């Protein structure tokens, strides 16, 4: 900007010098030389105004572009910071336990992704094969290396699909799935106990009969 003004002023001085020299050679009067200089000054002033307007427009365009670039960078950084998280790692069924009511409780376990620090919670869902998913539990993030969730009230013999996904301010991420059949060894153990109970009852009856016969023989 300053260089442009200096250049234009130099051009003005150059024209003024040429006009003065030409006036002296042609023998023009001082009034005529002053008029010529004023005309040249007006011309240079107009050119300077045009150059200043163009420079101002260019500066405004550059400023507008810089603002747009700043907005795009801010949006990009926000997207990077709050992108939907990826699926949790190492998702598996830790245990299946039968309660006193006869229903089963499944304990699930998984690991978070270490590079995703903005996850706020994990959400667990489950579904019987061929049916809609049902909400099971929401687990808040506490900085642990592993997380657990329990799904109670399941019946034995059912085939269940479990899923867990991480969630942040951008929304839920990709889920991890695990399928399991609800089974327990309790029925097998109960059958064994029933057999043992029946055998024990038979033994008691045999012993009682033998004792009775013996006492009767002694009495006779």
C-alpha atoms as a PDB file:
ATOM      1  CA  UNK A   1       0.000   0.000   0.000  1.00  0.00           C
ATOM      2  CA  UNK A   2       2.684   2.501   0.968  1.00  0.00           C
ATOM      3  CA  UNK A   3       4.834   1.427  -1.956  1.00  0.00           C
ATOM      4  CA  UNK A   4       1.949   2.090  -4.348  1.00  0.00           C
ATOM      5  CA  UNK A   5       1.448   5.623  -3.008  1.00  0.00           C
ATOM      6  CA  UNK A   6       5.159   6.386  -3.242  1.00  0.00           C
ATOM      7  CA  UNK A   7       5.170   5.123  -6.833  1.00  0.00           C
ATOM      8  CA  UNK A   8       2.203   7.281  -7.802  1.00  0.00           C
ATOM      9  CA  UNK A   9       3.708  10.376  -6.165  1.00  0.00           C
ATOM     10  CA  UNK A  10       6.934   9.734  -8.049  1.00  0.00           C
ATOM     11  CA  UNK A  11       4.954   9.518 -11.283  1.00  0.00           C
ATOM     12  CA  UNK A  12       3.274  12.803 -10.408  1.00  0.00           C
ATOM     13  CA  UNK A  13       6.602  14.513  -9.837  1.00  0.00           C
ATOM     14  CA  UNK A  14       7.887  13.062 -13.082  1.00  0.00           C
ATOM     15  CA  UNK A  15       4.905  14.451 -15.005  1.00  0.00           C
ATOM     16  CA  UNK A  16       5.296  17.821 -13.291  1.00  0.00           C
ATOM     17  CA  UNK A  17       8.958  17.979 -14.234  1.00  0.00           C
ATOM     18  CA  UNK A  18       8.188  17.055 -17.833  1.00  0.00           C
ATOM     19  CA  UNK A  19       5.427  19.640 -17.992  1.00  0.00           C
ATOM     20  CA  UNK A  20       7.678  22.368 -16.583  1.00  0.00           C
ATOM     21  CA  UNK A  21      10.462  21.479 -18.983  1.00  0.00           C
ATOM     22  CA  UNK A  22       8.081  21.432 -21.908  1.00  0.00           C
ATOM     23  CA  UNK A  23       6.643  24.793 -20.866  1.00  0.00           C
ATOM     24  CA  UNK A  24      10.046  26.377 -20.680  1.00  0.00           C
ATOM     25  CA  UNK A  25      10.982  25.011 -24.104  1.00  0.00           C
ATOM     26  CA  UNK A  26       7.720  26.146 -25.675  1.00  0.00           C
ATOM     27  CA  UNK A  27       7.808  29.520 -23.964  1.00  0.00           C
ATOM     28  CA  UNK A  28       4.437  29.053 -22.244  1.00  0.00           C
ATOM     29  CA  UNK A  29       3.376  31.393 -19.484  1.00  0.00           C
ATOM     30  CA  UNK A  30       3.472  30.445 -15.774  1.00  0.00           C
ATOM     31  CA  UNK A  31      -0.347  30.359 -15.661  1.00  0.00           C
ATOM     32  CA  UNK A  32      -0.456  27.815 -18.455  1.00  0.00           C
ATOM     33  CA  UNK A  33       2.197  25.641 -16.772  1.00  0.00           C
ATOM     34  CA  UNK A  34       0.206  25.776 -13.467  1.00  0.00           C
ATOM     35  CA  UNK A  35      -2.972  24.702 -15.300  1.00  0.00           C
ATOM     36  CA  UNK A  36      -1.089  21.840 -16.931  1.00  0.00           C
ATOM     37  CA  UNK A  37       0.311  20.737 -13.579  1.00  0.00           C
ATOM     38  CA  UNK A  38      -3.154  20.852 -12.005  1.00  0.00           C
ATOM     39  CA  UNK A  39      -4.495  18.739 -14.858  1.00  0.00           C
ATOM     40  CA  UNK A  40      -1.741  16.192 -14.369  1.00  0.00           C
ATOM     41  CA  UNK A  41      -2.338  16.232 -10.619  1.00  0.00           C
ATOM     42  CA  UNK A  42      -6.052  15.533 -11.130  1.00  0.00           C
ATOM     43  CA  UNK A  43      -5.246  12.635 -13.463  1.00  0.00           C
ATOM     44  CA  UNK A  44      -2.783  11.091 -11.000  1.00  0.00           C
ATOM     45  CA  UNK A  45      -5.252  11.626  -8.133  1.00  0.00           C
ATOM     46  CA  UNK A  46      -7.928   9.741 -10.036  1.00  0.00           C
ATOM     47  CA  UNK A  47      -5.542   6.893 -10.739  1.00  0.00           C
ATOM     48  CA  UNK A  48      -4.583   6.837  -7.079  1.00  0.00           C
ATOM     49  CA  UNK A  49      -8.256   6.679  -6.026  1.00  0.00           C
ATOM     50  CA  UNK A  50      -8.865   3.779  -8.403  1.00  0.00           C
ATOM     51  CA  UNK A  51      -5.807   1.941  -7.090  1.00  0.00           C
ATOM     52  CA  UNK A  52      -6.871   2.551  -3.473  1.00  0.00           C
ATOM     53  CA  UNK A  53     -10.387   1.233  -4.164  1.00  0.00           C
ATOM     54  CA  UNK A  54      -8.991  -1.898  -5.807  1.00  0.00           C
ATOM     55  CA  UNK A  55      -6.596  -2.408  -2.926  1.00  0.00           C
ATOM     56  CA  UNK A  56      -9.412  -1.971  -0.404  1.00  0.00           C
ATOM     57  CA  UNK A  57     -11.567  -4.517  -2.246  1.00  0.00           C
ATOM     58  CA  UNK A  58      -8.699  -6.974  -2.352  1.00  0.00           C
ATOM     59  CA  UNK A  59      -8.073  -6.542   1.363  1.00  0.00           C
ATOM     60  CA  UNK A  60     -11.761  -7.104   2.101  1.00  0.00           C
ATOM     61  CA  UNK A  61     -11.771 -10.262  -0.011  1.00  0.00           C
ATOM     62  CA  UNK A  62      -8.654 -11.531   1.739  1.00  0.00           C
ATOM     63  CA  UNK A  63     -10.247 -10.830   5.133  1.00  0.00           C
ATOM     64  CA  UNK A  64     -13.432 -12.633   4.099  1.00  0.00           C
ATOM     65  CA  UNK A  65     -11.433 -15.642   2.933  1.00  0.00           C
ATOM     66  CA  UNK A  66      -9.485 -15.702   6.182  1.00  0.00           C
ATOM     67  CA  UNK A  67     -12.729 -15.667   8.181  1.00  0.00           C
ATOM     68  CA  UNK A  68     -14.157 -18.513   6.103  1.00  0.00           C
ATOM     69  CA  UNK A  69     -10.990 -20.537   6.534  1.00  0.00           C
ATOM     70  CA  UNK A  70     -11.166 -19.954  10.290  1.00  0.00           C
ATOM     71  CA  UNK A  71     -14.791 -21.136  10.380  1.00  0.00           C
ATOM     72  CA  UNK A  72     -13.952 -24.247   8.357  1.00  0.00           C
ATOM     73  CA  UNK A  73     -11.030 -25.068  10.660  1.00  0.00           C
ATOM     74  CA  UNK A  74     -13.250 -24.653  13.713  1.00  0.00           C
ATOM     75  CA  UNK A  75     -15.899 -26.934  12.206  1.00  0.00           C
ATOM     76  CA  UNK A  76     -13.283 -29.511  11.262  1.00  0.00           C
ATOM     77  CA  UNK A  77     -11.797 -29.479  14.759  1.00  0.00           C
ATOM     78  CA  UNK A  78     -15.244 -29.890  16.278  1.00  0.00           C
ATOM     79  CA  UNK A  79     -15.983 -32.835  14.017  1.00  0.00           C
ATOM     80  CA  UNK A  80     -12.679 -34.428  14.955  1.00  0.00           C
ATOM     81  CA  UNK A  81     -13.286 -33.880  18.669  1.00  0.00           C
ATOM     82  CA  UNK A  82     -16.886 -35.076  18.674  1.00  0.00           C
ATOM     83  CA  UNK A  83     -16.927 -37.749  15.998  1.00  0.00           C
ATOM     84  CA  UNK A  84     -18.995 -40.813  16.792  1.00  0.00           C
ATOM     85  CA  UNK A  85     -16.873 -43.339  18.707  1.00  0.00           C
ATOM     86  CA  UNK A  86     -15.905 -46.734  17.345  1.00  0.00           C
ATOM     87  CA  UNK A  87     -17.087 -50.080  18.674  1.00  0.00           C
ATOM     88  CA  UNK A  88     -15.888 -51.253  22.123  1.00  0.00           C
ATOM     89  CA  UNK A  89     -13.211 -53.940  22.194  1.00  0.00           C
ATOM     90  CA  UNK A  90     -13.141 -57.500  23.585  1.00  0.00           C
ATOM     91  CA  UNK A  91     -16.884 -57.758  24.219  1.00  0.00           C
ATOM     92  CA  UNK A  92     -17.827 -61.131  25.732  1.00  0.00           C
ATOM     93  CA  UNK A  93     -20.123 -62.949  28.178  1.00  0.00           C
ATOM     94  CA  UNK A  94     -18.356 -63.210  31.515  1.00  0.00           C
ATOM     95  CA  UNK A  95     -20.884 -65.348  33.395  1.00  0.00           C
ATOM     96  CA  UNK A  96     -24.417 -66.776  33.351  1.00  0.00           C
ATOM     97  CA  UNK A  97     -25.966 -67.375  36.782  1.00  0.00           C
ATOM     98  CA  UNK A  98     -29.295 -68.743  37.855  1.00  0.00           C
ATOM     99  CA  UNK A  99     -31.128 -66.971  40.648  1.00  0.00           C
ATOM    100  CA  UNK A 100     -33.442 -68.306  43.326  1.00  0.00           C
ATOM    101  CA  UNK A 101     -36.453 -67.346  41.198  1.00  0.00           C
ATOM    102  CA  UNK A 102     -35.291 -69.576  38.357  1.00  0.00           C
ATOM    103  CA  UNK A 103     -34.363 -66.721  36.025  1.00  0.00           C
ATOM    104  CA  UNK A 104     -30.842 -66.093  34.807  1.00  0.00           C
ATOM    105  CA  UNK A 105     -28.552 -63.067  35.004  1.00  0.00           C
ATOM    106  CA  UNK A 106     -25.874 -62.537  32.362  1.00  0.00           C
ATOM    107  CA  UNK A 107     -22.772 -60.483  33.123  1.00  0.00           C
ATOM    108  CA  UNK A 108     -21.097 -58.833  30.106  1.00  0.00           C
ATOM    109  CA  UNK A 109     -17.628 -57.374  29.905  1.00  0.00           C
ATOM    110  CA  UNK A 110     -15.724 -55.174  27.417  1.00  0.00           C
ATOM    111  CA  UNK A 111     -12.818 -52.748  27.044  1.00  0.00           C
ATOM    112  CA  UNK A 112     -12.917 -49.124  25.854  1.00  0.00           C
ATOM    113  CA  UNK A 113     -10.900 -47.749  22.970  1.00  0.00           C
ATOM    114  CA  UNK A 114      -7.911 -45.888  24.500  1.00  0.00           C
ATOM    115  CA  UNK A 115      -7.812 -43.077  21.901  1.00  0.00           C
ATOM    116  CA  UNK A 116     -11.419 -41.993  22.503  1.00  0.00           C
ATOM    117  CA  UNK A 117     -11.345 -39.824  25.602  1.00  0.00           C
ATOM    118  CA  UNK A 118     -14.648 -38.031  25.062  1.00  0.00           C
ATOM    119  CA  UNK A 119     -16.916 -41.061  25.480  1.00  0.00           C
ATOM    120  CA  UNK A 120     -19.486 -40.313  28.187  1.00  0.00           C
ATOM    121  CA  UNK A 121     -21.201 -43.683  28.609  1.00  0.00           C
ATOM    122  CA  UNK A 122     -21.794 -47.189  27.246  1.00  0.00           C
ATOM    123  CA  UNK A 123     -25.263 -48.502  26.483  1.00  0.00           C
ATOM    124  CA  UNK A 124     -26.164 -52.214  26.516  1.00  0.00           C
ATOM    125  CA  UNK A 125     -29.116 -53.744  24.655  1.00  0.00           C
ATOM    126  CA  UNK A 126     -30.274 -57.324  24.222  1.00  0.00           C
ATOM    127  CA  UNK A 127     -32.730 -59.205  22.026  1.00  0.00           C
ATOM    128  CA  UNK A 128     -34.074 -62.699  21.735  1.00  0.00           C
ATOM    129  CA  UNK A 129     -33.297 -64.109  18.321  1.00  0.00           C
ATOM    130  CA  UNK A 130     -35.882 -62.809  15.851  1.00  0.00           C
ATOM    131  CA  UNK A 131     -37.248 -60.130  18.196  1.00  0.00           C
ATOM    132  CA  UNK A 132     -36.677 -56.408  18.785  1.00  0.00           C
ATOM    133  CA  UNK A 133     -33.856 -55.109  20.969  1.00  0.00           C
ATOM    134  CA  UNK A 134     -34.605 -54.075  24.537  1.00  0.00           C
ATOM    135  CA  UNK A 135     -32.649 -51.653  26.692  1.00  0.00           C
ATOM    136  CA  UNK A 136     -30.600 -53.366  29.422  1.00  0.00           C
ATOM    137  CA  UNK A 137     -28.256 -50.913  31.146  1.00  0.00           C
ATOM    138  CA  UNK A 138     -26.355 -47.634  30.772  1.00  0.00           C
ATOM    139  CA  UNK A 139     -22.831 -47.529  32.193  1.00  0.00           C
ATOM    140  CA  UNK A 140     -21.140 -44.166  32.826  1.00  0.00           C
ATOM    141  CA  UNK A 141     -17.480 -43.760  31.903  1.00  0.00           C
ATOM    142  CA  UNK A 142     -15.215 -43.606  34.956  1.00  0.00           C
ATOM    143  CA  UNK A 143     -11.785 -44.114  33.391  1.00  0.00           C
ATOM    144  CA  UNK A 144     -11.564 -47.835  34.100  1.00  0.00           C
ATOM    145  CA  UNK A 145      -9.735 -50.271  31.817  1.00  0.00           C
ATOM    146  CA  UNK A 146     -12.732 -52.649  31.670  1.00  0.00           C
ATOM    147  CA  UNK A 147     -16.484 -52.232  32.095  1.00  0.00           C
ATOM    148  CA  UNK A 148     -19.278 -54.606  33.108  1.00  0.00           C
ATOM    149  CA  UNK A 149     -23.038 -54.717  32.746  1.00  0.00           C
ATOM    150  CA  UNK A 150     -25.683 -57.197  33.905  1.00  0.00           C
ATOM    151  CA  UNK A 151     -28.826 -58.339  32.113  1.00  0.00           C
ATOM    152  CA  UNK A 152     -31.272 -60.012  34.559  1.00  0.00           C
ATOM    153  CA  UNK A 153     -34.583 -61.813  34.072  1.00  0.00           C
ATOM    154  CA  UNK A 154     -33.622 -64.206  31.260  1.00  0.00           C
ATOM    155  CA  UNK A 155     -35.161 -67.647  30.882  1.00  0.00           C
ATOM    156  CA  UNK A 156     -33.158 -70.808  30.441  1.00  0.00           C
ATOM    157  CA  UNK A 157     -32.704 -72.140  26.923  1.00  0.00           C
ATOM    158  CA  UNK A 158     -33.171 -68.750  25.226  1.00  0.00           C
ATOM    159  CA  UNK A 159     -30.803 -67.594  22.503  1.00  0.00           C
ATOM    160  CA  UNK A 160     -29.898 -63.964  23.252  1.00  0.00           C
ATOM    161  CA  UNK A 161     -27.972 -61.402  21.194  1.00  0.00           C
ATOM    162  CA  UNK A 162     -26.249 -58.693  23.231  1.00  0.00           C
ATOM    163  CA  UNK A 163     -24.830 -55.446  21.903  1.00  0.00           C
ATOM    164  CA  UNK A 164     -22.948 -52.530  23.463  1.00  0.00           C
ATOM    165  CA  UNK A 165     -21.968 -49.175  21.976  1.00  0.00           C
ATOM    166  CA  UNK A 166     -20.127 -46.094  23.187  1.00  0.00           C
ATOM    167  CA  UNK A 167     -21.775 -42.681  23.183  1.00  0.00           C
ATOM    168  CA  UNK A 168     -20.520 -39.082  23.245  1.00  0.00           C
ATOM    169  CA  UNK A 169     -21.899 -35.638  22.397  1.00  0.00           C
ATOM    170  CA  UNK A 170     -21.973 -36.514  18.697  1.00  0.00           C
ATOM    171  CA  UNK A 171     -24.188 -39.547  19.335  1.00  0.00           C
ATOM    172  CA  UNK A 172     -23.846 -43.338  19.525  1.00  0.00           C
ATOM    173  CA  UNK A 173     -21.027 -45.191  17.829  1.00  0.00           C
ATOM    174  CA  UNK A 174     -20.753 -48.578  16.170  1.00  0.00           C
ATOM    175  CA  UNK A 175     -21.930 -51.489  18.355  1.00  0.00           C
ATOM    176  CA  UNK A 176     -20.176 -54.704  19.296  1.00  0.00           C
ATOM    177  CA  UNK A 177     -22.262 -57.898  19.300  1.00  0.00           C
ATOM    178  CA  UNK A 178     -22.173 -61.142  21.262  1.00  0.00           C
ATOM    179  CA  UNK A 179     -24.603 -64.049  21.117  1.00  0.00           C
ATOM    180  CA  UNK A 180     -25.135 -66.606  23.882  1.00  0.00           C
ATOM    181  CA  UNK A 181     -27.522 -69.405  24.834  1.00  0.00           C
ATOM    182  CA  UNK A 182     -28.806 -69.151  28.382  1.00  0.00           C
ATOM    183  CA  UNK A 183     -27.766 -72.452  29.961  1.00  0.00           C
ATOM    184  CA  UNK A 184     -26.925 -73.653  33.450  1.00  0.00           C
ATOM    185  CA  UNK A 185     -25.714 -76.824  35.146  1.00  0.00           C
ATOM    186  CA  UNK A 186     -28.375 -76.483  37.808  1.00  0.00           C
ATOM    187  CA  UNK A 187     -30.921 -78.843  36.136  1.00  0.00           C
ATOM    188  CA  UNK A 188     -28.267 -81.551  35.843  1.00  0.00           C
ATOM    189  CA  UNK A 189     -27.315 -81.127  39.494  1.00  0.00           C
ATOM    190  CA  UNK A 190     -30.947 -81.169  40.566  1.00  0.00           C
ATOM    191  CA  UNK A 191     -31.521 -84.442  38.732  1.00  0.00           C
ATOM    192  CA  UNK A 192     -28.493 -85.921  40.461  1.00  0.00           C
ATOM    193  CA  UNK A 193     -29.764 -84.765  43.833  1.00  0.00           C
ATOM    194  CA  UNK A 194     -33.169 -86.247  43.120  1.00  0.00           C
ATOM    195  CA  UNK A 195     -31.585 -89.605  42.249  1.00  0.00           C
ATOM    196  CA  UNK A 196     -29.478 -89.487  45.392  1.00  0.00           C
ATOM    197  CA  UNK A 197     -32.550 -88.613  47.430  1.00  0.00           C
ATOM    198  CA  UNK A 198     -34.508 -91.509  45.977  1.00  0.00           C
ATOM    199  CA  UNK A 199     -31.633 -93.946  46.588  1.00  0.00           C
ATOM    200  CA  UNK A 200     -31.247 -92.657  50.136  1.00  0.00           C
ATOM    201  CA  UNK A 201     -34.951 -93.186  50.771  1.00  0.00           C
ATOM    202  CA  UNK A 202     -34.743 -96.770  49.536  1.00  0.00           C
ATOM    203  CA  UNK A 203     -31.775 -97.425  51.800  1.00  0.00           C
ATOM    204  CA  UNK A 204     -33.638 -96.012  54.789  1.00  0.00           C
ATOM    205  CA  UNK A 205     -36.650 -98.235  54.058  1.00  0.00           C
ATOM    206  CA  UNK A 206     -34.461-101.337  53.680  1.00  0.00           C
ATOM    207  CA  UNK A 207     -32.649-100.608  56.933  1.00  0.00           C
ATOM    208  CA  UNK A 208     -35.939 -99.992  58.731  1.00  0.00           C
ATOM    209  CA  UNK A 209     -37.424-103.268  57.436  1.00  0.00           C
ATOM    210  CA  UNK A 210     -34.279-105.197  58.394  1.00  0.00           C
ATOM    211  CA  UNK A 211     -34.297-103.684  61.868  1.00  0.00           C
ATOM    212  CA  UNK A 212     -37.986-104.539  62.307  1.00  0.00           C
ATOM    213  CA  UNK A 213     -37.496-108.138  61.192  1.00  0.00           C
ATOM    214  CA  UNK A 214     -34.543-108.505  63.516  1.00  0.00           C
ATOM    215  CA  UNK A 215     -36.440-107.223  66.516  1.00  0.00           C
ATOM    216  CA  UNK A 216     -39.329-109.493  65.684  1.00  0.00           C
ATOM    217  CA  UNK A 217     -37.023-112.483  65.442  1.00  0.00           C
ATOM    218  CA  UNK A 218     -35.500-111.680  68.804  1.00  0.00           C
ATOM    219  CA  UNK A 219     -38.914-111.358  70.350  1.00  0.00           C
ATOM    220  CA  UNK A 220     -39.975-114.794  69.034  1.00  0.00           C
END
